[in-house]
Amino acid sequence: MRYVLVLLSAICLLAGQATAQDSVTSEPGFVSLFNGTDLAGWKGDKRFWRVEQGAIVGQTSADNPAPHNTFLIRPDDSYGDFELRFSYQVDGFNSGVQYRSVEQDDYVVSGYQADFEARWHDGDSDKFSGMFFEENGRMFLAQRGQAVVVRPPPAGEKKPAIEVVGSLGDAAELESVIRRDDWNDYTVIAKGFQFTHLINGRVVALAWDEDTQKRRDSGIFAFQLHSGTPMQIKIKDIRVRRIDN
C-alpha cells in the first residue's frame, strides 16, 4: 500500500514541483554546479568535453571515438538526499546523468544513472530516456513509465528481483513530452532509497531500492558519453539542493 500512496503522490505533486520554478534564481536552496564559462569543478577526457555558448558540450566522432563509456565527473562533491535539475540536448546516441556514483579509472564511474537519449535507430523510437539504470552494476532497474521495487537477487541468482508495482503512463506517450530540437528539463530526486526521474515536468520513472547489499546512500555526479555511435550532448543550468531529513 505504501508504494501505491507514494506513486499517486509522485504523479500529482512532483510534476507540479518540477514546473513551478522557471529560472535558477527563483529556486531557493539550489546551488549551481556549472559556471557557464569553463569546466571548473569537473574533470573528464579533454578530447571529448568543452564549453560553448554557456553550455557543456560532450562530443565523439568517427575520427575521435570514445574507447569506452566516458564521463565528465564532479569528483569533489558527494550527495546523499538531493534534488538535481539541469537542461539537456542530445544527438546521435545514448547518455545519462550519474548520481550516488563512484569514480573508477580512466574517467569511468559506477552507480545510479538517469538516462536520456536521441532517436538513434533508423525509424526507431527513444527507448531509454527517463530509465533508472545502474552503470557498471545491476544495469536495467526500471524502464520509462514504471514504478518498481528493486529487491535482492533470489537464492542462487545474480540479478536483482524487480517488481513492477505501478504505472506512470504509457512509455511512448511519455516520450512525446521530449523536445527533440530544443532544450529539455531533467529532474532527479533521491530521498532515502526512493528515486524519482522527471523530464519536462512528467514523472517518467519511480523506484525504491531495497537491495541492501548493492544500493548506495551517497556519491558523486557525472555525465556520460557512450562509446560506439558518434554523438553529442549539451548540458546547462546544472543545479542541486540537498534534502534534509
Foldseek 3Di string as FASTA:
>chain_A
DVLVVVLVCCQPPVLCVVPVDDDPVVDPQKDFPDPQAFLPQKDWDVLFWTHDRSKIKGWADPVRFDPFKAKTWNAPDKAFFKKKKWKKAKPAWKKWKFWLWDDDPRRDIWAWTQIDTAQNDVVDDDWAHRFIATPPPLGGAGTWFFEWEWECCDPPDHHTDIDTDDGQDDRVVLSVLDDNVDMKMWMWGHDAQWIWIDINSGTTYIYGYHHVVPHGRMDIMIMIDGGDTIMMMIMHPIMMGHDDD
